[in-house]
Amino acid sequence: MTNFVEELRWRGMLHDIMPNTEEKLNEGMTSGYIGFDPTADSLHVGHLTQIMTLIHFQNAGHKPFALVGGATGMVGDPSGKSDERNLQTPEMVEHNLAGMKRQLSKFLKFEDAGNGAVMVNNADWFKNMNFLDFIRDVGKHITVNYMMAKDSVKKRLEGDTGMSFTEFCYQLVQGFDFYYLWKNHNCIVQMGGSDQWGNIVTGTELIRRKDSGTAYAITTQLIKKADGTKFGKTESGAIWLDAEKTSPYKFYQFWLNASDDDVKKWIRIFTLKNKEEIEALEKEHDAAPHLRVLQKALAEDITVKTHSAEALETAIKTSEFLFGNGSLEFLKSLSENQVLEMFEGIPQFKLSKPELEAGIDAATLLAEKTAVFPSKGEAKKLIQGGGVSVNKEKLTDANQVLNAENLINNKFIVVQKGKKNYFLLIAE
């Protein structure tokens, strides 16, 4: 058994910890949990800190519980939010739960006989509890003064939108989750992001007041990017763990594009590499930062863990094709959907296949039949300067005729303008 808290500490993950928690965990195998609210049918990279926390917890010899909030997901946690979330229907929650379960199974060992992970749904213990039972058996143990003192409550009450009774009760509901798991599964520690501290200690207080029990709390740092932008968000939205929502290529690129300041923190948090491995990579990176050794190591590790080795290979080949000297044969080996996925976020133009079959000169194709260039004049100028490629081959003549023979997989033409500007032409 290893020291779980020390593992979080050296990785820069630990934010706050209740007194005596570390000592209790070092006594032997302990059960603990983290909750995930099913606000979507996929987890995103913002959840990875908590997933990694559970992995470290299990690797340290403890038994992790992943609580999916079938009940709390219908209410919405106000922590860290300035506005109330939209409430979800039971059908939406069930759909989201199924997706989350599949993803968590990729990261945690559920079959291990000793400290195998367990997934629980708080709807199982709330579905038969009515409102009067709850306020009598739970509500009477926590005062309004105690609840009002929480930062998540105070900030909302001081804001313009206020706070509904539904959200005000959330900490009691989460507190009862902790009590139920403590009582029935011997979960003595709850973990979560630093914004969850108030909700977690409400659970420890409920356990103390209701049954004179002792429970513990650990929170991790909220991840922020060095440039001040929100971690896990891009211009096109969240980076999801579901390949249908965020392609493995786009997922890989998210980590590959990390800044040097961010990657030195993230490789500790989002991989299982030990201290010696990370320090060796940092030394190599510092000697030649332009090679992006740390970014590549992080992107490769987390892409395999989230998707697969095959998905990583495709992501690397896609990156080589777009940003290096990748082979056109690679593109030809992909299905139509894989090509469209590969060029997700890259400008795409549809063109008439019959017109193309008849033949179109390059300048007309790129300026009039599509909008790669705003005018034929600009198209001709850059083509003459050697700045335009079609299917990885430089155009040398603006009057060169392109036709169906130029189609990849009888469907696509890839145009490159300058070094990094790509366009996908789709013949229909």
Protein backbone atom coordinates (compact mmCIF):
# COMPACT_ATOMS: atom_id res chain seq x y z
CA MET A 1 0.00 0.00 0.00
CA THR A 2 1.33 3.43 -0.96
CA ASN A 3 0.60 6.84 0.55
CA PHE A 4 -2.34 8.17 -1.49
CA VAL A 5 -2.22 11.70 -0.06
CA GLU A 6 1.51 12.00 -0.70
CA GLU A 7 0.87 10.90 -4.30
CA LEU A 8 -1.62 13.75 -4.74
CA ARG A 9 0.73 16.15 -2.99
CA TRP A 10 3.83 15.65 -5.18
CA ARG A 11 1.68 15.73 -8.31
CA GLY A 12 0.34 19.17 -7.32
CA MET A 13 -3.23 17.88 -7.07
CA LEU A 14 -3.96 18.31 -3.36
CA HIS A 15 -5.93 21.40 -2.32
CA ASP A 16 -7.44 20.77 1.11
CA ILE A 17 -7.64 17.85 3.52
CA MET A 18 -9.47 17.30 6.78
CA PRO A 19 -7.25 16.71 9.84
CA ASN A 20 -6.23 13.06 10.44
CA THR A 21 -7.34 11.96 6.94
CA GLU A 22 -3.85 11.00 5.79
CA GLU A 23 -3.17 9.02 8.96
CA LYS A 24 -6.48 7.16 8.64
CA LEU A 25 -5.80 6.21 5.02
CA ASN A 26 -2.35 4.89 5.94
CA GLU A 27 -3.85 2.44 8.44
CA GLY A 28 -5.08 0.08 5.69
CA MET A 29 -7.53 -0.35 2.83
CA THR A 30 -10.25 2.29 2.98
CA SER A 31 -13.33 2.95 0.88
CA GLY A 32 -13.91 6.42 -0.55
CA TYR A 33 -15.94 8.02 -3.30
CA ILE A 34 -16.31 10.84 -5.79
CA GLY A 35 -19.62 11.94 -7.27
CA PHE A 36 -20.29 12.69 -10.94
CA ASP A 37 -23.50 14.46 -11.95
CA PRO A 38 -24.92 13.28 -15.30
CA THR A 39 -25.37 16.69 -16.92
CA ALA A 40 -24.39 15.18 -20.32
CA ASP A 41 -24.08 11.71 -21.82
CA SER A 42 -20.31 12.03 -21.80
CA LEU A 43 -17.68 13.11 -19.32
CA HIS A 44 -15.22 15.76 -20.52
CA VAL A 45 -11.60 16.60 -19.73
CA GLY A 46 -12.78 18.73 -16.80
CA HIS A 47 -13.71 15.44 -15.08
CA LEU A 48 -10.30 13.88 -15.61
CA THR A 49 -8.79 15.26 -12.40
CA GLN A 50 -11.40 13.39 -10.38
CA ILE A 51 -11.05 10.26 -12.52
CA MET A 52 -7.28 10.34 -11.96
CA THR A 53 -7.89 10.84 -8.23
CA LEU A 54 -9.92 7.62 -8.13
CA ILE A 55 -7.23 5.80 -10.14
CA HIS A 56 -4.55 6.90 -7.64
CA PHE A 57 -6.87 5.93 -4.77
CA GLN A 58 -7.27 2.42 -6.20
CA ASN A 59 -3.57 2.08 -7.07
CA ALA A 60 -2.74 2.99 -3.46
CA GLY A 61 -4.67 -0.09 -2.33
CA HIS A 62 -7.99 1.57 -1.45
CA LYS A 63 -11.47 0.78 -2.76
CA PRO A 64 -12.95 3.50 -5.00
CA PHE A 65 -16.65 4.18 -5.39
CA ALA A 66 -17.87 6.23 -8.34
CA LEU A 67 -21.22 7.75 -7.51
CA VAL A 68 -23.29 8.76 -10.52
CA GLY A 69 -25.96 11.22 -9.51
CA GLY A 70 -29.18 9.87 -10.95
CA ALA A 71 -31.03 11.82 -8.24
CA THR A 72 -28.77 14.88 -7.78
CA GLY A 73 -28.49 15.24 -11.55
CA MET A 74 -32.17 16.20 -11.56
CA VAL A 75 -31.45 19.07 -9.14
CA GLY A 76 -28.10 20.61 -10.12
CA ASP A 77 -25.18 21.61 -7.94
CA PRO A 78 -24.88 25.40 -7.40
CA SER A 79 -21.18 25.20 -6.48
CA GLY A 80 -19.13 27.44 -8.75
CA LYS A 81 -22.20 28.50 -10.75
CA SER A 82 -23.63 31.98 -11.13
CA ASP A 83 -26.94 30.80 -12.58
CA GLU A 84 -29.25 27.89 -11.92
CA ARG A 85 -28.86 24.88 -14.19
CA ASN A 86 -31.67 23.64 -16.37
CA LEU A 87 -33.41 20.72 -14.71
CA GLN A 88 -33.31 17.42 -16.59
CA THR A 89 -36.01 14.82 -17.13
CA PRO A 90 -35.57 11.29 -15.71
CA GLU A 91 -35.17 10.00 -19.29
CA MET A 92 -32.33 12.46 -19.99
CA VAL A 93 -30.60 11.49 -16.75
CA GLU A 94 -30.82 7.75 -17.53
CA HIS A 95 -29.39 8.31 -21.00
CA ASN A 96 -26.52 10.32 -19.58
CA LEU A 97 -25.80 7.75 -16.87
CA ALA A 98 -25.34 4.97 -19.43
CA GLY A 99 -22.70 6.98 -21.30
CA MET A 100 -20.81 7.87 -18.12
CA LYS A 101 -20.72 4.26 -16.93
CA ARG A 102 -19.11 3.12 -20.18
CA GLN A 103 -16.42 5.78 -19.88
CA LEU A 104 -15.56 5.23 -16.22
CA SER A 105 -15.12 1.53 -16.95
CA LYS A 106 -12.15 2.43 -19.18
CA PHE A 107 -10.25 3.99 -16.30
CA LEU A 108 -11.09 1.98 -13.18
CA LYS A 109 -10.69 -1.73 -12.43
CA PHE A 110 -14.16 -2.99 -11.55
CA GLU A 111 -13.40 -6.72 -11.59
CA ASP A 112 -10.63 -6.81 -8.98
CA ALA A 113 -11.69 -9.06 -6.11
CA GLY A 114 -9.74 -7.11 -3.51
CA ASN A 115 -10.27 -3.41 -4.09
CA GLY A 116 -12.32 -3.43 -7.27
CA ALA A 117 -14.15 -0.21 -8.05
CA VAL A 118 -17.89 0.02 -7.42
CA MET A 119 -20.37 2.20 -9.27
CA VAL A 120 -23.44 3.39 -7.38
CA ASN A 121 -26.41 5.57 -8.32
CA ASN A 122 -27.95 7.81 -5.67
CA ALA A 123 -31.34 7.43 -7.32
CA ASP A 124 -31.37 3.94 -5.77
CA TRP A 125 -31.67 5.32 -2.24
CA PHE A 126 -33.60 8.49 -3.00
CA LYS A 127 -36.34 6.99 -5.18
CA ASN A 128 -38.28 5.62 -2.20
CA MET A 129 -37.69 8.58 0.13
CA ASN A 130 -40.43 11.19 0.32
CA PHE A 131 -40.00 14.85 1.18
CA LEU A 132 -41.31 14.58 4.75
CA ASP A 133 -38.96 11.68 5.50
CA PHE A 134 -36.03 13.70 4.19
CA ILE A 135 -36.67 16.89 6.18
CA ARG A 136 -37.38 14.85 9.32
CA ASP A 137 -34.43 12.43 9.13
CA VAL A 138 -31.85 14.64 7.43
CA GLY A 139 -32.91 18.29 7.51
CA LYS A 140 -33.25 18.47 11.29
CA HIS A 141 -29.54 17.73 11.79
CA ILE A 142 -28.18 20.68 9.77
CA THR A 143 -29.11 24.24 10.68
CA VAL A 144 -29.98 26.96 8.19
CA ASN A 145 -27.17 29.06 9.71
CA TYR A 146 -24.69 26.28 8.87
CA MET A 147 -25.95 26.06 5.28
CA MET A 148 -25.97 29.84 4.78
CA ALA A 149 -22.31 30.05 5.81
CA LYS A 150 -21.16 28.05 2.76
CA ASP A 151 -19.34 30.07 0.11
CA SER A 152 -21.39 28.52 -2.71
CA VAL A 153 -24.57 29.79 -1.03
CA LYS A 154 -23.25 33.21 0.00
CA LYS A 155 -21.96 34.04 -3.49
CA ARG A 156 -25.29 33.20 -5.09
CA LEU A 157 -27.31 35.13 -2.53
CA GLU A 158 -25.09 38.17 -3.07
CA GLY A 159 -25.49 37.91 -6.86
CA ASP A 160 -28.27 39.15 -9.12
CA THR A 161 -30.04 35.84 -9.68
CA GLY A 162 -30.42 34.68 -6.09
CA MET A 163 -30.85 31.00 -5.30
CA SER A 164 -33.83 28.68 -5.50
CA PHE A 165 -34.88 26.42 -2.65
CA THR A 166 -34.03 23.49 -4.93
CA GLU A 167 -30.37 24.48 -5.15
CA PHE A 168 -30.22 25.57 -1.51
CA CYS A 169 -31.09 21.99 -0.53
CA TYR A 170 -28.40 20.48 -2.76
CA GLN A 171 -25.77 20.33 -0.03
CA LEU A 172 -28.19 18.37 2.17
CA VAL A 173 -28.84 15.91 -0.62
CA GLN A 174 -25.11 15.43 -1.28
CA GLY A 175 -24.53 15.25 2.45
CA PHE A 176 -27.01 12.38 2.68
CA ASP A 177 -25.18 10.59 -0.16
CA PHE A 178 -22.07 10.61 2.02
CA TYR A 179 -24.05 9.45 5.03
CA TYR A 180 -25.65 6.59 3.06
CA LEU A 181 -22.33 5.37 1.63
CA TRP A 182 -20.66 5.69 5.03
CA LYS A 183 -23.47 3.74 6.70
CA ASN A 184 -23.95 1.05 4.07
CA HIS A 185 -20.60 0.73 2.28
CA ASN A 186 -18.11 1.97 4.88
CA CYS A 187 -17.05 4.89 2.65
CA ILE A 188 -15.24 7.05 5.17
CA VAL A 189 -13.77 9.62 2.79
CA GLN A 190 -15.29 11.76 0.06
CA MET A 191 -13.11 13.43 -2.55
CA GLY A 192 -13.83 16.14 -5.11
CA GLY A 193 -12.73 19.43 -6.61
CA SER A 194 -11.97 22.37 -4.32
CA ASP A 195 -15.39 23.89 -5.11
CA GLN A 196 -16.95 20.83 -3.43
CA TRP A 197 -15.43 21.40 0.01
CA GLY A 198 -18.60 22.90 1.48
CA ASN A 199 -20.81 20.06 0.23
CA ILE A 200 -18.36 17.40 1.40
CA VAL A 201 -17.96 18.74 4.94
CA THR A 202 -21.75 19.02 5.21
CA GLY A 203 -21.71 15.25 4.74
CA THR A 204 -19.08 14.75 7.44
CA GLU A 205 -21.13 16.98 9.77
CA LEU A 206 -24.32 15.01 9.03
CA ILE A 207 -22.51 11.76 9.83
CA ARG A 208 -21.24 13.24 13.10
CA ARG A 209 -24.58 14.70 14.20
CA LYS A 210 -26.82 11.87 13.05
CA ASP A 211 -24.77 8.82 14.12
CA SER A 212 -21.80 10.28 16.05
CA GLY A 213 -19.60 8.92 13.26
CA THR A 214 -16.32 10.13 11.81
CA ALA A 215 -15.70 10.76 8.12
CA TYR A 216 -13.03 12.57 6.14
CA ALA A 217 -12.64 14.95 3.21
CA ILE A 218 -10.05 15.60 0.49
CA THR A 219 -10.28 18.14 -2.32
CA THR A 220 -8.09 18.62 -5.37
CA GLN A 221 -6.96 21.75 -7.16
CA LEU A 222 -9.24 23.16 -9.85
CA ILE A 223 -7.26 23.13 -13.07
CA LYS A 224 -6.69 26.47 -14.75
CA LYS A 225 -4.74 27.34 -17.88
CA ALA A 226 -1.74 29.63 -17.62
CA ASP A 227 -3.28 32.13 -20.05
CA GLY A 228 -6.37 32.51 -17.89
CA THR A 229 -8.76 30.68 -20.23
CA LYS A 230 -10.91 27.86 -18.91
CA PHE A 231 -9.35 24.41 -18.88
CA GLY A 232 -11.11 21.91 -21.14
CA LYS A 233 -12.75 24.56 -23.30
CA THR A 234 -11.86 25.58 -26.84
CA GLU A 235 -13.43 27.96 -29.31
CA SER A 236 -15.61 25.10 -30.54
CA GLY A 237 -16.68 24.01 -27.05
CA ALA A 238 -15.81 21.35 -24.47
CA ILE A 239 -13.32 18.54 -25.08
CA TRP A 240 -15.35 15.38 -24.47
CA LEU A 241 -14.15 11.86 -23.68
CA ASP A 242 -16.68 10.42 -26.13
CA ALA A 243 -15.13 9.95 -29.58
CA GLU A 244 -18.48 10.81 -31.17
CA LYS A 245 -18.43 14.25 -29.55
CA THR A 246 -14.71 14.99 -29.79
CA SER A 247 -12.67 12.99 -32.28
CA PRO A 248 -9.50 11.26 -30.99
CA TYR A 249 -7.53 13.53 -33.35
CA LYS A 250 -9.04 16.70 -31.86
CA PHE A 251 -8.60 15.23 -28.34
CA TYR A 252 -4.92 14.49 -29.10
CA GLN A 253 -4.40 17.98 -30.51
CA PHE A 254 -5.87 19.59 -27.37
CA TRP A 255 -3.08 18.10 -25.25
CA LEU A 256 -0.41 18.53 -27.93
CA ASN A 257 -1.14 22.28 -28.05
CA ALA A 258 -0.64 22.76 -24.30
CA SER A 259 1.70 25.60 -23.37
CA ASP A 260 5.04 24.79 -21.74
CA ASP A 261 3.78 26.24 -18.44
CA ASP A 262 0.61 24.12 -18.51
CA VAL A 263 2.16 20.86 -19.69
CA LYS A 264 4.59 20.70 -16.78
CA LYS A 265 1.61 20.66 -14.41
CA TRP A 266 -0.68 18.53 -16.56
CA ILE A 267 1.75 15.67 -17.13
CA ARG A 268 1.82 15.16 -13.36
CA ILE A 269 -1.95 15.30 -13.02
CA PHE A 270 -3.17 13.41 -16.09
CA THR A 271 -0.65 10.59 -16.44
CA LEU A 272 0.56 7.83 -14.13
CA LYS A 273 4.21 8.46 -14.95
CA ASN A 274 6.35 8.49 -11.82
CA LYS A 275 8.51 11.34 -10.59
CA GLU A 276 11.72 10.04 -12.17
CA GLU A 277 10.06 9.55 -15.58
CA ILE A 278 8.55 13.04 -15.53
CA GLU A 279 11.77 14.72 -14.43
CA ALA A 280 13.68 12.92 -17.22
CA LEU A 281 11.10 14.13 -19.76
CA GLU A 282 11.31 17.68 -18.38
CA LYS A 283 15.08 17.65 -18.74
CA GLU A 284 14.78 16.47 -22.35
CA HIS A 285 12.07 19.06 -23.03
CA ASP A 286 14.07 21.94 -21.56
CA ALA A 287 17.04 21.03 -23.74
CA ALA A 288 14.96 21.32 -26.92
CA PRO A 289 11.55 22.93 -26.23
CA HIS A 290 10.71 23.12 -29.95
CA LEU A 291 10.45 19.31 -30.07
CA ARG A 292 7.55 19.48 -27.57
CA VAL A 293 8.64 16.29 -25.81
CA LEU A 294 6.38 16.85 -22.80
CA GLN A 295 3.34 17.69 -24.94
CA LYS A 296 3.78 14.56 -27.05
CA ALA A 297 4.26 12.33 -24.00
CA LEU A 298 1.13 13.74 -22.35
CA ALA A 299 -1.00 13.63 -25.51
CA GLU A 300 -0.01 10.05 -26.31
CA ASP A 301 -0.57 8.78 -22.77
CA ILE A 302 -4.00 10.32 -22.23
CA THR A 303 -5.27 9.51 -25.75
CA VAL A 304 -4.49 5.81 -25.31
CA LYS A 305 -6.07 5.80 -21.86
CA THR A 306 -9.23 7.55 -23.05
CA HIS A 307 -9.57 5.95 -26.49
CA SER A 308 -7.10 3.27 -27.65
CA ALA A 309 -3.65 2.70 -29.11
CA GLU A 310 -5.26 2.45 -32.56
CA ALA A 311 -6.99 5.82 -32.06
CA LEU A 312 -3.66 7.36 -31.06
CA GLU A 313 -1.98 6.00 -34.20
CA THR A 314 -4.71 7.52 -36.38
CA ALA A 315 -4.45 10.83 -34.51
CA ILE A 316 -0.67 10.96 -35.03
CA LYS A 317 -0.96 10.11 -38.73
CA THR A 318 -3.67 12.75 -39.10
CA SER A 319 -1.40 15.32 -37.44
CA GLU A 320 1.48 14.32 -39.70
CA PHE A 321 -0.74 14.67 -42.76
CA LEU A 322 -1.98 18.11 -41.81
CA PHE A 323 1.16 19.57 -40.28
CA GLY A 324 4.03 17.52 -41.66
CA ASN A 325 4.86 15.27 -44.56
CA GLY A 326 2.13 12.71 -44.02
CA SER A 327 1.24 10.26 -46.77
CA LEU A 328 -1.73 10.67 -49.09
CA GLU A 329 -2.08 6.89 -48.88
CA PHE A 330 -3.10 7.31 -45.25
CA LEU A 331 -6.00 9.53 -46.27
CA LYS A 332 -7.05 7.03 -48.95
CA SER A 333 -7.19 4.30 -46.31
CA LEU A 334 -9.85 6.13 -44.30
CA SER A 335 -13.61 5.80 -44.61
CA GLU A 336 -15.75 8.78 -45.64
CA ASN A 337 -16.79 9.38 -42.02
CA GLN A 338 -13.18 9.16 -40.82
CA VAL A 339 -12.09 11.78 -43.37
CA LEU A 340 -14.90 14.12 -42.29
CA GLU A 341 -13.95 13.54 -38.66
CA MET A 342 -10.32 14.23 -39.43
CA PHE A 343 -11.19 17.58 -41.01
CA GLU A 344 -13.62 18.57 -38.24
CA GLY A 345 -13.25 22.30 -37.63
CA ILE A 346 -11.47 22.84 -40.95
CA PRO A 347 -13.34 24.90 -43.63
CA GLN A 348 -15.29 22.65 -45.99
CA PHE A 349 -16.90 23.46 -49.34
CA LYS A 350 -19.26 21.38 -51.41
CA LEU A 351 -18.97 21.36 -55.19
CA SER A 352 -20.85 19.78 -58.08
CA LYS A 353 -19.42 16.42 -59.02
CA PRO A 354 -20.78 16.58 -62.61
CA GLU A 355 -19.10 19.99 -63.09
CA LEU A 356 -15.84 18.64 -61.72
CA GLU A 357 -16.02 15.61 -64.01
CA ALA A 358 -16.21 18.01 -66.96
CA GLY A 359 -13.05 19.76 -65.70
CA ILE A 360 -12.53 23.11 -63.94
CA ASP A 361 -9.40 25.25 -63.99
CA ALA A 362 -7.73 25.68 -60.57
CA ALA A 363 -8.35 29.43 -60.19
CA THR A 364 -12.06 29.09 -61.00
CA LEU A 365 -12.44 26.08 -58.70
CA LEU A 366 -10.80 27.79 -55.74
CA ALA A 367 -12.34 31.27 -56.13
CA GLU A 368 -15.73 30.82 -57.82
CA LYS A 369 -16.87 27.25 -57.28
CA THR A 370 -15.63 27.37 -53.68
CA ALA A 371 -14.49 30.21 -51.39
CA VAL A 372 -10.92 29.13 -50.72
CA PHE A 373 -9.91 32.50 -52.24
CA PRO A 374 -11.99 35.71 -52.37
CA SER A 375 -11.02 36.28 -56.03
CA LYS A 376 -9.43 34.58 -58.99
CA GLY A 377 -6.71 37.24 -58.95
CA GLU A 378 -5.61 36.30 -55.45
CA ALA A 379 -5.79 32.61 -56.32
CA LYS A 380 -3.56 33.08 -59.37
CA LYS A 381 -1.06 35.18 -57.44
CA LEU A 382 -0.54 32.61 -54.66
CA ILE A 383 -0.51 29.68 -57.10
CA GLN A 384 2.22 31.40 -59.13
CA GLY A 385 4.15 31.97 -55.90
CA GLY A 386 4.04 28.25 -55.09
CA GLY A 387 1.76 28.70 -52.08
CA VAL A 388 -1.10 26.37 -53.02
CA SER A 389 -1.19 22.56 -52.93
CA VAL A 390 -3.90 20.13 -54.03
CA ASN A 391 -3.75 16.69 -52.43
CA LYS A 392 -0.24 17.42 -51.16
CA GLU A 393 1.10 18.41 -54.59
CA LYS A 394 1.97 22.05 -55.37
CA LEU A 395 -0.02 23.75 -58.10
CA THR A 396 2.25 25.42 -60.63
CA ASP A 397 -0.35 26.74 -63.07
CA ALA A 398 -3.58 28.58 -62.21
CA ASN A 399 -5.05 27.29 -65.49
CA GLN A 400 -4.39 23.65 -64.62
CA VAL A 401 -7.61 21.69 -65.06
CA LEU A 402 -8.81 19.62 -62.13
CA ASN A 403 -11.35 16.85 -62.61
CA ALA A 404 -12.73 13.68 -61.03
CA GLU A 405 -9.32 12.03 -61.25
CA ASN A 406 -8.19 14.41 -58.52
CA LEU A 407 -10.80 13.09 -56.07
CA ILE A 408 -9.62 11.07 -53.09
CA ASN A 409 -11.94 8.11 -52.51
CA ASN A 410 -14.10 9.51 -55.32
CA LYS A 411 -15.27 12.22 -52.88
CA PHE A 412 -12.65 14.65 -51.56
CA ILE A 413 -10.01 17.16 -52.62
CA VAL A 414 -7.64 18.56 -49.99
CA VAL A 415 -6.44 22.11 -50.62
CA GLN A 416 -3.59 23.68 -48.68
CA LYS A 417 -3.10 27.46 -48.78
CA GLY A 418 0.17 28.54 -47.25
CA LYS A 419 1.68 26.33 -44.55
CA LYS A 420 -1.22 25.71 -42.19
CA ASN A 421 -4.50 26.65 -43.89
CA TYR A 422 -6.39 23.57 -45.03
CA PHE A 423 -9.71 23.25 -46.87
CA LEU A 424 -11.73 20.16 -47.69
CA LEU A 425 -13.66 20.13 -50.95
CA ILE A 426 -16.52 17.60 -51.04
CA ALA A 427 -17.88 16.54 -54.43
CA GLU A 428 -21.58 15.62 -54.50
